[in-house]
Amino acid sequence: MVFKIDPVWKFQIIEVWLWDVHPQRTEWGPDCRIDLVFKDQS
């Protein structure tokens, strides 16, 4: 993902997932047009 190498984002994001492969997607309910999920440093 470009976020992992972008000069600004690479220090803010720990991990990026496509919605279809995010480990918690089943806990959050059905797809509501989300494409990407990311975990940030906070």
N, C-alpha and C. Protein backbone atom coordinates (compact mmCIF):
# COMPACT_ATOMS: atom_id res chain seq x y z
N MET A 1 0.83 -1.18 0.00
CA MET A 1 0.00 0.00 0.00
C MET A 1 0.87 1.25 0.00
N VAL A 2 0.47 2.23 -0.71
CA VAL A 2 1.23 3.47 -0.82
C VAL A 2 1.34 4.18 0.53
N PHE A 3 0.38 3.95 1.43
CA PHE A 3 0.44 4.61 2.74
C PHE A 3 1.69 4.22 3.52
N LYS A 4 2.18 3.02 3.32
CA LYS A 4 3.35 2.54 4.06
C LYS A 4 4.66 3.17 3.61
N ILE A 5 4.67 3.77 2.41
CA ILE A 5 5.90 4.38 1.92
C ILE A 5 5.79 5.89 1.74
N ASP A 6 4.58 6.42 1.86
CA ASP A 6 4.37 7.86 1.72
C ASP A 6 5.09 8.59 2.85
N PRO A 7 5.82 9.68 2.55
CA PRO A 7 6.60 10.40 3.57
C PRO A 7 5.79 10.89 4.77
N VAL A 8 4.53 11.22 4.57
CA VAL A 8 3.70 11.71 5.68
C VAL A 8 3.01 10.55 6.40
N TRP A 9 2.36 9.69 5.66
CA TRP A 9 1.55 8.62 6.25
C TRP A 9 2.36 7.51 6.89
N LYS A 10 3.55 7.23 6.41
CA LYS A 10 4.29 6.06 6.91
C LYS A 10 4.61 6.14 8.40
N PHE A 11 4.61 7.32 8.98
CA PHE A 11 4.87 7.46 10.41
C PHE A 11 3.58 7.48 11.23
N GLN A 12 2.45 7.50 10.58
CA GLN A 12 1.17 7.55 11.28
C GLN A 12 0.42 6.23 11.27
N ILE A 13 0.69 5.39 10.29
CA ILE A 13 -0.07 4.15 10.10
C ILE A 13 0.79 2.94 10.44
N ILE A 14 0.22 2.05 11.25
CA ILE A 14 0.91 0.81 11.61
C ILE A 14 0.60 -0.28 10.59
N GLU A 15 -0.69 -0.42 10.23
CA GLU A 15 -1.10 -1.48 9.31
C GLU A 15 -2.29 -1.01 8.48
N VAL A 16 -2.40 -1.54 7.26
CA VAL A 16 -3.51 -1.23 6.35
C VAL A 16 -4.07 -2.55 5.82
N TRP A 17 -5.40 -2.66 5.81
CA TRP A 17 -6.08 -3.85 5.30
C TRP A 17 -7.13 -3.45 4.30
N LEU A 18 -7.38 -4.30 3.33
CA LEU A 18 -8.59 -4.21 2.54
C LEU A 18 -9.72 -4.70 3.44
N TRP A 19 -10.91 -4.14 3.29
CA TRP A 19 -12.03 -4.52 4.15
C TRP A 19 -12.25 -6.03 4.15
N ASP A 20 -12.16 -6.66 3.00
CA ASP A 20 -12.44 -8.09 2.88
C ASP A 20 -11.50 -8.98 3.69
N VAL A 21 -10.33 -8.48 4.05
CA VAL A 21 -9.38 -9.30 4.80
C VAL A 21 -9.09 -8.77 6.21
N HIS A 22 -9.80 -7.72 6.62
CA HIS A 22 -9.58 -7.18 7.97
C HIS A 22 -10.02 -8.19 9.01
N PRO A 23 -9.20 -8.44 10.04
CA PRO A 23 -9.51 -9.47 11.03
C PRO A 23 -10.79 -9.23 11.84
N GLN A 24 -11.25 -7.99 11.98
CA GLN A 24 -12.43 -7.72 12.80
C GLN A 24 -13.69 -7.41 11.98
N ARG A 25 -13.65 -7.59 10.69
CA ARG A 25 -14.78 -7.18 9.86
C ARG A 25 -16.07 -7.88 10.26
N THR A 26 -16.02 -9.12 10.70
CA THR A 26 -17.24 -9.82 11.08
C THR A 26 -17.84 -9.26 12.37
N GLU A 27 -17.03 -8.69 13.23
CA GLU A 27 -17.51 -8.09 14.47
C GLU A 27 -18.18 -6.75 14.21
N TRP A 28 -17.82 -6.07 13.15
CA TRP A 28 -18.32 -4.73 12.87
C TRP A 28 -19.58 -4.71 12.03
N GLY A 29 -20.00 -5.84 11.53
CA GLY A 29 -21.21 -5.89 10.72
C GLY A 29 -20.91 -5.95 9.24
N PRO A 30 -21.96 -5.81 8.43
CA PRO A 30 -21.79 -5.94 6.98
C PRO A 30 -20.99 -4.79 6.37
N ASP A 31 -20.49 -5.05 5.20
CA ASP A 31 -19.75 -4.05 4.44
C ASP A 31 -20.64 -2.84 4.18
N CYS A 32 -20.16 -1.67 4.55
CA CYS A 32 -20.95 -0.44 4.30
C CYS A 32 -20.15 0.48 3.38
N ARG A 33 -19.62 -0.13 2.31
CA ARG A 33 -18.86 0.58 1.28
C ARG A 33 -17.49 1.04 1.78
N ILE A 34 -16.94 0.30 2.73
CA ILE A 34 -15.59 0.59 3.23
C ILE A 34 -14.61 -0.19 2.37
N ASP A 35 -13.55 0.47 1.92
CA ASP A 35 -12.55 -0.20 1.10
C ASP A 35 -11.29 -0.51 1.89
N LEU A 36 -10.84 0.46 2.71
CA LEU A 36 -9.61 0.28 3.46
C LEU A 36 -9.84 0.56 4.94
N VAL A 37 -9.11 -0.17 5.77
CA VAL A 37 -9.12 0.06 7.21
C VAL A 37 -7.66 0.15 7.62
N PHE A 38 -7.33 1.10 8.49
CA PHE A 38 -5.96 1.17 8.94
C PHE A 38 -5.88 1.35 10.46
N LYS A 39 -4.78 0.88 11.01
CA LYS A 39 -4.50 1.05 12.44
C LYS A 39 -3.44 2.14 12.53
N ASP A 40 -3.73 3.16 13.33
CA ASP A 40 -2.78 4.25 13.43
C ASP A 40 -1.94 4.15 14.70
N GLN A 41 -1.03 5.08 14.89
CA GLN A 41 -0.09 5.06 16.00
C GLN A 41 -0.75 5.33 17.36
N SER A 42 -1.93 5.93 17.38
CA SER A 42 -2.55 6.29 18.66
C SER A 42 -3.15 5.12 19.39
